[in-house]
Structure formats: structure tokens, C-alpha cells
Amino acid sequence: MKNLQSFLLLIIIQSFLVFFSKELLETNQVFVSSLSEKISYDQINEILAFKEKWGWIVYIFIPILLFIKIVIITTVINIGCFLFGKNISYSQIFNITIKSEFIFLLVIVFKTAWFYFFEQDYNLNDLQFFYPLSALNIVGYEGIDPWWIYPLQVFNLFELAYWFILAYLIGKAINSDTDKGINIVASSNGVALLIWVVGVMFFTLNVS
């Protein structure tokens, strides 16, 4: 029940932040200015009409994708704990993963604040590729190969904070120090993340 409450709270907050961000940033004016040189105004109007009619679907995928992500991370960390000979229940790891996931809510807040208050002259590509405090923001997305964009987005301070939160809570749960938690997280979630990033890079390279 505690896990369910935490998960529902995460979904509610993230859904609200996504809705708030889309309402502030993804305006019709941004769509028109970004697409006017590529397609006709009739096509733009069709896209806007489709967006207005079916935009709610994104809120269905939020809990589904979150659940899949949390289950996968919980599973690989559970395997890591087993390999290190640490006795911790799957339910405990699931709860820790949910708590750690709250750090990524700040990504939406930072992104919304950045474009609303600072970078007000933006287009759809800017919104799509911007990831706060990431390596991609340092090198920029223009002029680099598409298959490098995702790994540069993943390499960010929020991901690093996520790892440390996971490590701290895992270490606390197994009555050990944070260093042991870092070893478990790095050898399980770290390896899984590396495989995922390489897979995305390979897929992007083949379709681009």
C-alpha cells in the first residue's frame, strides 16, 4: 500500500507538471513559427487540431512508462543486491526506486522555468533536445550526429543525483554505508543503463 501511494503521488505530480509545462511552452505560436518553413499552413492546422484532440493520450502513457522503468530498475538492482550477498526485499527496492524517481520532477520544473523566463525565443527542436544540466546543453544539439544526442542528454547532474539517492537509500536499507550502495547501483543499474544507451545509439544510427 505504501508503494502504491508513493507511485500514485509521483504520477499525479508528474502529470500536473507535464500539463503545466505544455500549456506554458508548447503554444500554437511555437508550432507555427517552427513548422511554417517546412510545411503548409493547412498541414500545420491539421497538426494543431490533432494535438488538441489527442493530446490527452500522453497522460495515459505517463503511469505506464513510469511503472515499466521502475520495475526494470528495481529488478536489476535486486539482482545486484543478490550478487553482493545483501538481503533486501523486492518491495523495499521498489519503494527506494520510486522515492529516487522524484528527483526527475525537477527536470520538468527547470526546463519550464528556463524557457518561460530566460530563453523565450525557442522552437520545437529547442524544447525537444533541451535537458537541464546535461552535457548536450554544453555542446549544443546543432551540428552533432543524431546518435550522440541521447547519451549526451543522459549524462546530466539529475541522473548523477538519482544514482546517489539510490545508493544512499540502498546502503541504508542493507545497514551499510553509501559506498556499498554505490557499488551495487553502479554494477547493476549502471550496466543496464549503459546497455540501454548503446542500444538507443545503435538504433538511431541505423534509422538516421
C-alpha atoms as a PDB file:
ATOM      1  CA  MET A   1       0.000   0.000   0.000  1.00  0.00           C
ATOM      2  CA  LYS A   2       2.854   2.384   0.822  1.00  0.00           C
ATOM      3  CA  ASN A   3       4.443   1.705  -2.569  1.00  0.00           C
ATOM      4  CA  LEU A   4       1.118   2.300  -4.308  1.00  0.00           C
ATOM      5  CA  GLN A   5       0.600   5.618  -2.520  1.00  0.00           C
ATOM      6  CA  SER A   6       4.105   6.806  -3.420  1.00  0.00           C
ATOM      7  CA  PHE A   7       3.651   5.712  -7.021  1.00  0.00           C
ATOM      8  CA  LEU A   8       0.285   7.468  -7.343  1.00  0.00           C
ATOM      9  CA  LEU A   9       1.759  10.634  -5.835  1.00  0.00           C
ATOM     10  CA  LEU A  10       4.609  10.501  -8.349  1.00  0.00           C
ATOM     11  CA  ILE A  11       2.160  10.073 -11.235  1.00  0.00           C
ATOM     12  CA  ILE A  12      -0.079  12.918 -10.071  1.00  0.00           C
ATOM     13  CA  ILE A  13       2.779  15.378  -9.612  1.00  0.00           C
ATOM     14  CA  GLN A  14       4.473  14.452 -12.886  1.00  0.00           C
ATOM     15  CA  SER A  15       1.199  14.626 -14.836  1.00  0.00           C
ATOM     16  CA  PHE A  16       0.467  18.057 -13.391  1.00  0.00           C
ATOM     17  CA  LEU A  17       3.958  19.343 -14.176  1.00  0.00           C
ATOM     18  CA  VAL A  18       3.818  17.966 -17.730  1.00  0.00           C
ATOM     19  CA  PHE A  19       0.403  19.575 -18.277  1.00  0.00           C
ATOM     20  CA  PHE A  20       1.571  22.884 -16.808  1.00  0.00           C
ATOM     21  CA  SER A  21       4.758  22.846 -18.901  1.00  0.00           C
ATOM     22  CA  LYS A  22       2.952  22.003 -22.154  1.00  0.00           C
ATOM     23  CA  GLU A  23       0.391  24.742 -21.564  1.00  0.00           C
ATOM     24  CA  LEU A  24       3.113  27.334 -20.980  1.00  0.00           C
ATOM     25  CA  LEU A  25       5.643  26.304 -23.606  1.00  0.00           C
ATOM     26  CA  GLU A  26       4.037  24.331 -26.426  1.00  0.00           C
ATOM     27  CA  THR A  27       1.862  27.162 -27.697  1.00  0.00           C
ATOM     28  CA  ASN A  28       0.317  27.329 -31.159  1.00  0.00           C
ATOM     29  CA  GLN A  29       2.657  30.205 -31.948  1.00  0.00           C
ATOM     30  CA  VAL A  30       5.684  27.970 -31.344  1.00  0.00           C
ATOM     31  CA  PHE A  31       4.267  25.297 -33.659  1.00  0.00           C
ATOM     32  CA  VAL A  32       3.527  27.809 -36.413  1.00  0.00           C
ATOM     33  CA  SER A  33       6.926  29.514 -36.244  1.00  0.00           C
ATOM     34  CA  SER A  34       8.784  26.173 -36.105  1.00  0.00           C
ATOM     35  CA  LEU A  35       6.913  24.450 -38.933  1.00  0.00           C
ATOM     36  CA  SER A  36       5.945  27.301 -41.267  1.00  0.00           C
ATOM     37  CA  GLU A  37       9.119  26.933 -43.368  1.00  0.00           C
ATOM     38  CA  LYS A  38       8.737  23.166 -43.710  1.00  0.00           C
ATOM     39  CA  ILE A  39       5.037  22.536 -44.348  1.00  0.00           C
ATOM     40  CA  SER A  40       1.951  24.495 -45.402  1.00  0.00           C
ATOM     41  CA  TYR A  41      -0.366  26.313 -43.007  1.00  0.00           C
ATOM     42  CA  ASP A  42      -3.135  23.820 -43.771  1.00  0.00           C
ATOM     43  CA  GLN A  43      -0.870  20.999 -42.637  1.00  0.00           C
ATOM     44  CA  ILE A  44       0.094  22.981 -39.542  1.00  0.00           C
ATOM     45  CA  ASN A  45      -3.582  23.478 -38.713  1.00  0.00           C
ATOM     46  CA  GLU A  46      -4.144  19.732 -39.102  1.00  0.00           C
ATOM     47  CA  ILE A  47      -1.291  19.052 -36.680  1.00  0.00           C
ATOM     48  CA  LEU A  48      -2.682  21.561 -34.168  1.00  0.00           C
ATOM     49  CA  ALA A  49      -6.154  20.042 -34.473  1.00  0.00           C
ATOM     50  CA  PHE A  50      -4.719  16.552 -33.929  1.00  0.00           C
ATOM     51  CA  LYS A  51      -2.727  17.820 -30.945  1.00  0.00           C
ATOM     52  CA  GLU A  52      -5.807  19.407 -29.401  1.00  0.00           C
ATOM     53  CA  LYS A  53      -7.925  16.293 -29.952  1.00  0.00           C
ATOM     54  CA  TRP A  54      -5.436  13.598 -28.908  1.00  0.00           C
ATOM     55  CA  GLY A  55      -3.016  15.449 -26.637  1.00  0.00           C
ATOM     56  CA  TRP A  56      -4.536  13.783 -23.583  1.00  0.00           C
ATOM     57  CA  ILE A  57      -3.083  10.417 -24.625  1.00  0.00           C
ATOM     58  CA  VAL A  58       0.328  11.433 -23.241  1.00  0.00           C
ATOM     59  CA  TYR A  59      -1.147  11.355 -19.737  1.00  0.00           C
ATOM     60  CA  ILE A  60      -2.095   7.702 -20.203  1.00  0.00           C
ATOM     61  CA  PHE A  61       1.472   6.777 -21.086  1.00  0.00           C
ATOM     62  CA  ILE A  62       2.989   8.572 -18.078  1.00  0.00           C
ATOM     63  CA  PRO A  63       1.995   5.909 -15.486  1.00  0.00           C
ATOM     64  CA  ILE A  64       2.662   3.054 -17.932  1.00  0.00           C
ATOM     65  CA  LEU A  65       6.192   4.169 -18.822  1.00  0.00           C
ATOM     66  CA  LEU A  66       6.978   5.096 -15.215  1.00  0.00           C
ATOM     67  CA  PHE A  67       5.873   1.690 -14.000  1.00  0.00           C
ATOM     68  CA  ILE A  68       7.931  -0.120 -16.640  1.00  0.00           C
ATOM     69  CA  LYS A  69      11.004   1.975 -15.822  1.00  0.00           C
ATOM     70  CA  ILE A  70      10.663   1.467 -12.065  1.00  0.00           C
ATOM     71  CA  VAL A  71      10.096  -2.285 -12.417  1.00  0.00           C
ATOM     72  CA  ILE A  72      13.167  -2.690 -14.655  1.00  0.00           C
ATOM     73  CA  ILE A  73      15.420  -0.642 -12.372  1.00  0.00           C
ATOM     74  CA  THR A  74      14.087  -2.424  -9.286  1.00  0.00           C
ATOM     75  CA  THR A  75      14.741  -5.789 -10.912  1.00  0.00           C
ATOM     76  CA  VAL A  76      18.323  -5.047 -11.924  1.00  0.00           C
ATOM     77  CA  ILE A  77      19.140  -3.563  -8.503  1.00  0.00           C
ATOM     78  CA  ASN A  78      17.570  -6.615  -6.875  1.00  0.00           C
ATOM     79  CA  ILE A  79      19.907  -8.778  -8.944  1.00  0.00           C
ATOM     80  CA  GLY A  80      22.807  -6.558  -7.889  1.00  0.00           C
ATOM     81  CA  CYS A  81      21.924  -6.958  -4.206  1.00  0.00           C
ATOM     82  CA  PHE A  82      21.738 -10.713  -4.667  1.00  0.00           C
ATOM     83  CA  LEU A  83      25.157 -10.830  -6.330  1.00  0.00           C
ATOM     84  CA  PHE A  84      26.636  -8.805  -3.465  1.00  0.00           C
ATOM     85  CA  GLY A  85      25.002 -11.157  -0.956  1.00  0.00           C
ATOM     86  CA  LYS A  86      22.739  -8.463   0.519  1.00  0.00           C
ATOM     87  CA  ASN A  87      19.334  -9.464   1.805  1.00  0.00           C
ATOM     88  CA  ILE A  88      16.717  -6.869   0.853  1.00  0.00           C
ATOM     89  CA  SER A  89      13.173  -7.447  -0.356  1.00  0.00           C
ATOM     90  CA  TYR A  90      11.933  -6.555  -3.819  1.00  0.00           C
ATOM     91  CA  SER A  91       9.257  -4.377  -2.219  1.00  0.00           C
ATOM     92  CA  GLN A  92      11.889  -2.347  -0.365  1.00  0.00           C
ATOM     93  CA  ILE A  93      13.888  -1.764  -3.540  1.00  0.00           C
ATOM     94  CA  PHE A  94      10.698  -0.838  -5.391  1.00  0.00           C
ATOM     95  CA  ASN A  95       9.939   1.783  -2.731  1.00  0.00           C
ATOM     96  CA  ILE A  96      13.505   3.126  -2.903  1.00  0.00           C
ATOM     97  CA  THR A  97      13.317   3.386  -6.689  1.00  0.00           C
ATOM     98  CA  ILE A  98      10.043   5.317  -6.506  1.00  0.00           C
ATOM     99  CA  LYS A  99      11.471   7.749  -3.939  1.00  0.00           C
ATOM    100  CA  SER A 100      14.571   8.294  -6.068  1.00  0.00           C
ATOM    101  CA  GLU A 101      12.445   8.942  -9.155  1.00  0.00           C
ATOM    102  CA  PHE A 102      11.083  12.151  -7.596  1.00  0.00           C
ATOM    103  CA  ILE A 103      14.397  13.881  -8.435  1.00  0.00           C
ATOM    104  CA  PHE A 104      13.454  13.850 -12.117  1.00  0.00           C
ATOM    105  CA  LEU A 105      10.413  16.037 -11.416  1.00  0.00           C
ATOM    106  CA  LEU A 106      12.912  18.868 -11.079  1.00  0.00           C
ATOM    107  CA  VAL A 107      13.875  18.350 -14.726  1.00  0.00           C
ATOM    108  CA  ILE A 108      10.394  19.465 -15.807  1.00  0.00           C
ATOM    109  CA  VAL A 109      10.475  22.407 -13.396  1.00  0.00           C
ATOM    110  CA  PHE A 110      13.930  23.564 -14.564  1.00  0.00           C
ATOM    111  CA  LYS A 111      13.045  23.147 -18.236  1.00  0.00           C
ATOM    112  CA  THR A 112       9.786  25.064 -17.911  1.00  0.00           C
ATOM    113  CA  ALA A 113      11.417  27.870 -15.930  1.00  0.00           C
ATOM    114  CA  TRP A 114      14.310  28.137 -18.404  1.00  0.00           C
ATOM    115  CA  PHE A 115      12.148  28.635 -21.494  1.00  0.00           C
ATOM    116  CA  TYR A 116       9.498  30.712 -19.750  1.00  0.00           C
ATOM    117  CA  PHE A 117      11.822  33.179 -18.016  1.00  0.00           C
ATOM    118  CA  PHE A 118      15.168  33.090 -19.842  1.00  0.00           C
ATOM    119  CA  GLU A 119      15.197  31.521 -23.333  1.00  0.00           C
ATOM    120  CA  GLN A 120      11.898  32.873 -24.635  1.00  0.00           C
ATOM    121  CA  ASP A 121      12.873  32.728 -28.311  1.00  0.00           C
ATOM    122  CA  TYR A 122      12.741  28.974 -28.892  1.00  0.00           C
ATOM    123  CA  ASN A 123      11.398  26.415 -31.341  1.00  0.00           C
ATOM    124  CA  LEU A 124      10.201  22.818 -31.174  1.00  0.00           C
ATOM    125  CA  ASN A 125      13.719  21.420 -31.573  1.00  0.00           C
ATOM    126  CA  ASP A 126      14.925  23.504 -28.643  1.00  0.00           C
ATOM    127  CA  LEU A 127      12.130  22.040 -26.492  1.00  0.00           C
ATOM    128  CA  GLN A 128      12.778  18.508 -27.684  1.00  0.00           C
ATOM    129  CA  PHE A 129      16.531  18.424 -27.195  1.00  0.00           C
ATOM    130  CA  PHE A 130      16.929  20.637 -24.133  1.00  0.00           C
ATOM    131  CA  TYR A 131      17.784  18.748 -20.954  1.00  0.00           C
ATOM    132  CA  PRO A 132      18.730  20.848 -17.898  1.00  0.00           C
ATOM    133  CA  LEU A 133      22.281  20.491 -16.576  1.00  0.00           C
ATOM    134  CA  SER A 134      23.249  17.968 -19.242  1.00  0.00           C
ATOM    135  CA  ALA A 135      26.315  17.603 -21.454  1.00  0.00           C
ATOM    136  CA  LEU A 136      24.139  18.274 -24.508  1.00  0.00           C
ATOM    137  CA  ASN A 137      23.460  21.805 -23.291  1.00  0.00           C
ATOM    138  CA  ILE A 138      27.199  22.415 -23.222  1.00  0.00           C
ATOM    139  CA  VAL A 139      27.990  21.176 -26.736  1.00  0.00           C
ATOM    140  CA  GLY A 140      24.604  22.040 -28.288  1.00  0.00           C
ATOM    141  CA  TYR A 141      22.492  19.772 -30.481  1.00  0.00           C
ATOM    142  CA  GLU A 142      23.157  21.585 -33.745  1.00  0.00           C
ATOM    143  CA  GLY A 143      25.946  20.161 -35.862  1.00  0.00           C
ATOM    144  CA  ILE A 144      26.393  16.878 -33.979  1.00  0.00           C
ATOM    145  CA  ASP A 145      25.440  13.423 -35.191  1.00  0.00           C
ATOM    146  CA  PRO A 146      21.877  12.474 -34.092  1.00  0.00           C
ATOM    147  CA  TRP A 147      23.059   9.284 -32.402  1.00  0.00           C
ATOM    148  CA  TRP A 148      25.094  11.349 -29.911  1.00  0.00           C
ATOM    149  CA  ILE A 149      22.120  13.410 -28.708  1.00  0.00           C
ATOM    150  CA  TYR A 150      20.555  10.864 -26.355  1.00  0.00           C
ATOM    151  CA  PRO A 151      23.754   9.818 -24.498  1.00  0.00           C
ATOM    152  CA  LEU A 152      24.664  13.490 -24.037  1.00  0.00           C
ATOM    153  CA  GLN A 153      21.188  14.074 -22.575  1.00  0.00           C
ATOM    154  CA  VAL A 154      21.571  11.115 -20.226  1.00  0.00           C
ATOM    155  CA  PHE A 155      24.903  12.474 -18.987  1.00  0.00           C
ATOM    156  CA  ASN A 156      23.422  15.075 -16.615  1.00  0.00           C
ATOM    157  CA  LEU A 157      23.523  16.127 -12.970  1.00  0.00           C
ATOM    158  CA  PHE A 158      19.994  14.878 -12.280  1.00  0.00           C
ATOM    159  CA  GLU A 159      20.980  11.354 -13.310  1.00  0.00           C
ATOM    160  CA  LEU A 160      24.022  11.627 -11.065  1.00  0.00           C
ATOM    161  CA  ALA A 161      21.860  12.792  -8.147  1.00  0.00           C
ATOM    162  CA  TYR A 162      19.470   9.908  -8.873  1.00  0.00           C
ATOM    163  CA  TRP A 163      22.323   7.420  -8.550  1.00  0.00           C
ATOM    164  CA  PHE A 164      23.484   8.907  -5.258  1.00  0.00           C
ATOM    165  CA  ILE A 165      19.952   8.863  -3.821  1.00  0.00           C
ATOM    166  CA  LEU A 166      19.561   5.234  -4.870  1.00  0.00           C
ATOM    167  CA  ALA A 167      22.962   4.370  -3.405  1.00  0.00           C
ATOM    168  CA  TYR A 168      22.256   6.151  -0.125  1.00  0.00           C
ATOM    169  CA  LEU A 169      18.845   4.524   0.357  1.00  0.00           C
ATOM    170  CA  ILE A 170      20.136   1.084  -0.679  1.00  0.00           C
ATOM    171  CA  GLY A 171      23.071   1.413   1.725  1.00  0.00           C
ATOM    172  CA  LYS A 172      20.711   2.443   4.497  1.00  0.00           C
ATOM    173  CA  ALA A 173      18.358  -0.472   3.783  1.00  0.00           C
ATOM    174  CA  ILE A 174      21.161  -3.050   3.958  1.00  0.00           C
ATOM    175  CA  ASN A 175      22.650  -1.430   7.091  1.00  0.00           C
ATOM    176  CA  SER A 176      25.798  -0.497   5.229  1.00  0.00           C
ATOM    177  CA  ASP A 177      27.484   2.683   4.031  1.00  0.00           C
ATOM    178  CA  THR A 178      26.786   4.665   0.867  1.00  0.00           C
ATOM    179  CA  ASP A 179      29.920   3.271  -0.799  1.00  0.00           C
ATOM    180  CA  LYS A 180      28.435  -0.218  -0.749  1.00  0.00           C
ATOM    181  CA  GLY A 181      25.211   1.192  -2.166  1.00  0.00           C
ATOM    182  CA  ILE A 182      27.170   2.899  -4.946  1.00  0.00           C
ATOM    183  CA  ASN A 183      28.875  -0.395  -5.799  1.00  0.00           C
ATOM    184  CA  ILE A 184      25.530  -2.162  -6.027  1.00  0.00           C
ATOM    185  CA  VAL A 185      23.866   0.597  -8.087  1.00  0.00           C
ATOM    186  CA  ALA A 186      26.851   1.032 -10.424  1.00  0.00           C
ATOM    187  CA  SER A 187      27.225  -2.712 -11.080  1.00  0.00           C
ATOM    188  CA  SER A 188      23.515  -3.239 -11.721  1.00  0.00           C
ATOM    189  CA  ASN A 189      21.684  -0.099 -12.803  1.00  0.00           C
ATOM    190  CA  GLY A 190      24.882   1.341 -14.282  1.00  0.00           C
ATOM    191  CA  VAL A 191      25.443  -1.647 -16.533  1.00  0.00           C
ATOM    192  CA  ALA A 192      21.755  -1.717 -17.532  1.00  0.00           C
ATOM    193  CA  LEU A 193      21.811   1.997 -18.352  1.00  0.00           C
ATOM    194  CA  LEU A 194      24.958   1.588 -20.443  1.00  0.00           C
ATOM    195  CA  ILE A 195      23.363  -1.245 -22.431  1.00  0.00           C
ATOM    196  CA  TRP A 196      20.216   0.847 -22.932  1.00  0.00           C
ATOM    197  CA  VAL A 197      22.148   3.923 -24.121  1.00  0.00           C
ATOM    198  CA  VAL A 198      24.268   1.866 -26.527  1.00  0.00           C
ATOM    199  CA  GLY A 199      21.078   0.237 -27.843  1.00  0.00           C
ATOM    200  CA  VAL A 200      19.439   3.646 -28.439  1.00  0.00           C
ATOM    201  CA  MET A 201      22.600   4.907 -30.155  1.00  0.00           C
ATOM    202  CA  PHE A 202      22.709   1.836 -32.395  1.00  0.00           C
ATOM    203  CA  PHE A 203      19.015   2.192 -33.289  1.00  0.00           C
ATOM    204  CA  THR A 204      19.388   5.931 -34.006  1.00  0.00           C
ATOM    205  CA  LEU A 205      22.453   5.301 -36.148  1.00  0.00           C
ATOM    206  CA  ASN A 206      20.576   2.762 -38.243  1.00  0.00           C
ATOM    207  CA  VAL A 207      17.459   4.863 -38.834  1.00  0.00           C
ATOM    208  CA  SER A 208      19.228   8.179 -39.442  1.00  0.00           C
END
